[in-house]
C-alpha atoms as a PDB file:
ATOM      1  CA  GLN A   1      -0.070  -0.052  -0.089  1.00  0.00           C
ATOM      2  CA  VAL A   2       1.234   3.381  -1.017  1.00  0.00           C
ATOM      3  CA  PRO A   3       0.582   5.982   1.866  1.00  0.00           C
ATOM      4  CA  LEU A   4      -1.468   8.999   0.843  1.00  0.00           C
ATOM      5  CA  VAL A   5      -0.717  12.164   3.102  1.00  0.00           C
ATOM      6  CA  GLU A   6      -3.213  15.138   3.269  1.00  0.00           C
ATOM      7  CA  SER A   7      -2.245  18.543   4.487  1.00  0.00           C
ATOM      8  CA  GLY A   8      -3.485  22.079   4.349  1.00  0.00           C
ATOM      9  CA  GLY A   9      -6.698  21.962   6.589  1.00  0.00           C
ATOM     10  CA  GLY A  10      -7.533  24.511   9.164  1.00  0.00           C
ATOM     11  CA  SER A  11      -9.921  26.911  10.422  1.00  0.00           C
ATOM     12  CA  VAL A  12     -11.196  30.018   8.619  1.00  0.00           C
ATOM     13  CA  GLN A  13     -14.131  32.434   8.569  1.00  0.00           C
ATOM     14  CA  ALA A  14     -16.778  32.241   5.915  1.00  0.00           C
ATOM     15  CA  GLY A  15     -15.609  33.621   2.623  1.00  0.00           C
ATOM     16  CA  GLY A  16     -12.038  32.511   3.194  1.00  0.00           C
ATOM     17  CA  SER A  17      -9.875  30.279   1.217  1.00  0.00           C
ATOM     18  CA  LEU A  18      -7.885  27.062   2.019  1.00  0.00           C
ATOM     19  CA  ARG A  19      -5.651  24.895  -0.190  1.00  0.00           C
ATOM     20  CA  LEU A  20      -5.466  21.137   0.587  1.00  0.00           C
ATOM     21  CA  SER A  21      -2.710  18.992  -0.763  1.00  0.00           C
ATOM     22  CA  CYS A  22      -2.414  15.181  -1.096  1.00  0.00           C
ATOM     23  CA  ALA A  23       0.878  13.362  -1.656  1.00  0.00           C
ATOM     24  CA  ALA A  24       1.221   9.852  -2.985  1.00  0.00           C
ATOM     25  CA  SER A  25       4.937   8.989  -2.052  1.00  0.00           C
ATOM     26  CA  GLY A  26       6.090   9.094  -5.575  1.00  0.00           C
ATOM     27  CA  TYR A  27       3.571   6.809  -7.095  1.00  0.00           C
ATOM     28  CA  THR A  28       1.491   7.956  -9.864  1.00  0.00           C
ATOM     29  CA  TYR A  29      -2.425   7.003  -9.574  1.00  0.00           C
ATOM     30  CA  ARG A  30      -4.534   7.373 -12.627  1.00  0.00           C
ATOM     31  CA  THR A  31      -7.448   8.575 -10.589  1.00  0.00           C
ATOM     32  CA  MET A  32      -7.110  10.811  -7.447  1.00  0.00           C
ATOM     33  CA  ALA A  33     -10.128  12.369  -5.577  1.00  0.00           C
ATOM     34  CA  TRP A  34     -11.201  14.399  -2.715  1.00  0.00           C
ATOM     35  CA  PHE A  35     -14.134  13.262  -0.239  1.00  0.00           C
ATOM     36  CA  ARG A  36     -15.515  14.834   2.879  1.00  0.00           C
ATOM     37  CA  GLN A  37     -17.612  13.635   5.958  1.00  0.00           C
ATOM     38  CA  ALA A  38     -19.282  16.137   8.347  1.00  0.00           C
ATOM     39  CA  PRO A  39     -20.301  14.871  11.726  1.00  0.00           C
ATOM     40  CA  GLY A  40     -23.568  12.893  11.609  1.00  0.00           C
ATOM     41  CA  LYS A  41     -23.695  13.084   7.764  1.00  0.00           C
ATOM     42  CA  GLY A  42     -22.576  10.690   4.980  1.00  0.00           C
ATOM     43  CA  ARG A  43     -19.219  10.810   3.085  1.00  0.00           C
ATOM     44  CA  GLU A  44     -19.583  12.556  -0.286  1.00  0.00           C
ATOM     45  CA  GLU A  45     -17.331  13.008  -3.184  1.00  0.00           C
ATOM     46  CA  VAL A  46     -16.254  16.608  -3.606  1.00  0.00           C
ATOM     47  CA  ALA A  47     -13.910  16.438  -6.599  1.00  0.00           C
ATOM     48  CA  SER A  48     -11.701  14.083  -8.723  1.00  0.00           C
ATOM     49  CA  ILE A  49      -9.196  14.316 -11.417  1.00  0.00           C
ATOM     50  CA  TYR A  50      -7.931  11.697 -13.902  1.00  0.00           C
ATOM     51  CA  THR A  51      -4.037  12.254 -14.204  1.00  0.00           C
ATOM     52  CA  GLY A  52      -2.698  12.523 -17.639  1.00  0.00           C
ATOM     53  CA  GLY A  53      -5.888  13.402 -19.236  1.00  0.00           C
ATOM     54  CA  GLY A  54      -6.844  16.207 -16.791  1.00  0.00           C
ATOM     55  CA  THR A  55     -10.656  15.362 -16.842  1.00  0.00           C
ATOM     56  CA  THR A  56     -12.253  16.721 -13.496  1.00  0.00           C
ATOM     57  CA  TYR A  57     -15.352  16.308 -11.696  1.00  0.00           C
ATOM     58  CA  TYR A  58     -16.993  18.501  -9.027  1.00  0.00           C
ATOM     59  CA  ALA A  59     -20.038  18.004  -6.754  1.00  0.00           C
ATOM     60  CA  ASP A  60     -22.822  20.612  -7.583  1.00  0.00           C
ATOM     61  CA  SER A  61     -22.215  21.881  -4.014  1.00  0.00           C
ATOM     62  CA  VAL A  62     -18.729  23.221  -4.669  1.00  0.00           C
ATOM     63  CA  LYS A  63     -18.798  23.866  -8.396  1.00  0.00           C
ATOM     64  CA  GLY A  64     -17.416  27.110  -9.149  1.00  0.00           C
ATOM     65  CA  ARG A  65     -15.729  27.623  -5.786  1.00  0.00           C
ATOM     66  CA  PHE A  66     -13.456  24.609  -5.688  1.00  0.00           C
ATOM     67  CA  THR A  67     -10.681  23.783  -8.055  1.00  0.00           C
ATOM     68  CA  ILE A  68      -8.540  20.282  -8.257  1.00  0.00           C
ATOM     69  CA  SER A  69      -5.275  20.274  -9.896  1.00  0.00           C
ATOM     70  CA  GLN A  70      -2.007  18.625 -10.116  1.00  0.00           C
ATOM     71  CA  ASP A  71       1.385  20.067  -9.098  1.00  0.00           C
ATOM     72  CA  ASN A  72       3.890  18.192 -11.018  1.00  0.00           C
ATOM     73  CA  ALA A  73       6.923  19.813  -9.339  1.00  0.00           C
ATOM     74  CA  LYS A  74       5.750  18.441  -5.961  1.00  0.00           C
ATOM     75  CA  LYS A  75       4.050  15.318  -7.351  1.00  0.00           C
ATOM     76  CA  THR A  76       0.792  16.244  -5.435  1.00  0.00           C
ATOM     77  CA  VAL A  77      -2.923  16.858  -6.181  1.00  0.00           C
ATOM     78  CA  ASP A  78      -4.434  20.004  -4.700  1.00  0.00           C
ATOM     79  CA  LEU A  79      -7.514  21.319  -3.834  1.00  0.00           C
ATOM     80  CA  GLN A  80      -8.129  25.105  -3.889  1.00  0.00           C
ATOM     81  CA  MET A  81     -11.148  25.895  -1.843  1.00  0.00           C
ATOM     82  CA  ASN A  82     -12.483  29.592  -2.295  1.00  0.00           C
ATOM     83  CA  SER A  83     -15.640  31.302  -0.962  1.00  0.00           C
ATOM     84  CA  LEU A  84     -15.984  28.857   1.949  1.00  0.00           C
ATOM     85  CA  LYS A  85     -19.145  28.430   3.803  1.00  0.00           C
ATOM     86  CA  PRO A  86     -20.041  26.940   7.149  1.00  0.00           C
ATOM     87  CA  GLU A  87     -21.504  23.820   5.405  1.00  0.00           C
ATOM     88  CA  ASP A  88     -18.238  23.109   4.032  1.00  0.00           C
ATOM     89  CA  THR A  89     -17.030  22.116   7.564  1.00  0.00           C
ATOM     90  CA  ALA A  90     -15.859  18.451   7.290  1.00  0.00           C
ATOM     91  CA  MET A  91     -13.091  15.979   7.548  1.00  0.00           C
ATOM     92  CA  TYR A  92     -11.503  15.827   4.081  1.00  0.00           C
ATOM     93  CA  TYR A  93     -10.035  12.659   2.803  1.00  0.00           C
ATOM     94  CA  CYS A  94      -7.808  12.161  -0.235  1.00  0.00           C
ATOM     95  CA  ALA A  95      -8.469   8.944  -2.222  1.00  0.00           C
ATOM     96  CA  ALA A  96      -6.729   7.318  -5.213  1.00  0.00           C
ATOM     97  CA  GLY A  97      -6.615   4.446  -7.459  1.00  0.00           C
ATOM     98  CA  PRO A  98      -4.545   3.069 -10.343  1.00  0.00           C
ATOM     99  CA  THR A  99      -7.216   3.251 -13.128  1.00  0.00           C
ATOM    100  CA  VAL A 100      -9.772   5.638 -14.304  1.00  0.00           C
ATOM    101  CA  GLY A 101     -12.986   5.549 -12.310  1.00  0.00           C
ATOM    102  CA  SER A 102     -11.445   3.687  -9.186  1.00  0.00           C
ATOM    103  CA  VAL A 103     -10.272   4.528  -5.925  1.00  0.00           C
ATOM    104  CA  ASN A 104      -8.563   1.944  -3.743  1.00  0.00           C
ATOM    105  CA  TYR A 105      -6.422   3.897  -1.175  1.00  0.00           C
ATOM    106  CA  TRP A 106      -7.242   6.468   1.318  1.00  0.00           C
ATOM    107  CA  GLY A 107      -5.452   8.957   3.443  1.00  0.00           C
ATOM    108  CA  GLN A 108      -6.144   9.724   7.179  1.00  0.00           C
ATOM    109  CA  GLY A 109      -7.913  12.984   6.508  1.00  0.00           C
ATOM    110  CA  THR A 110      -7.451  16.637   7.250  1.00  0.00           C
ATOM    111  CA  GLN A 111      -9.967  18.666   9.167  1.00  0.00           C
ATOM    112  CA  VAL A 112     -11.480  21.856   7.518  1.00  0.00           C
ATOM    113  CA  THR A 113     -13.634  24.140   9.904  1.00  0.00           C
ATOM    114  CA  VAL A 114     -15.412  27.156   8.521  1.00  0.00           C
ATOM    115  CA  SER A 115     -17.085  29.617  10.963  1.00  0.00           C
ATOM    116  CA  SER A 116     -19.718  32.375  10.386  1.00  0.00           C
END
């Protein structure tokens, strides 16, 4: 198993921004994605990217505010989160898979808290 390490979480006020990063220890996955889960709620897919091709997916709730991208220099997949809302508060998890459309590995998560 190749470890996935998330970073960049924190606490911000509504309207602020955060940038999350996911590192895969040098292994190149075909699919990388971000999921989130708030206390008492189910886990949902936030965004995903198919490396190489660059095709992206966004949940309707974050479309226009979040951007997923690759950082080739650092070999990470980042999630830029702008115009944050209190309802974005959740534990954010990085997930990855070796083929398009699959996720097999998960990180430990990084907490994002947005206050009014």
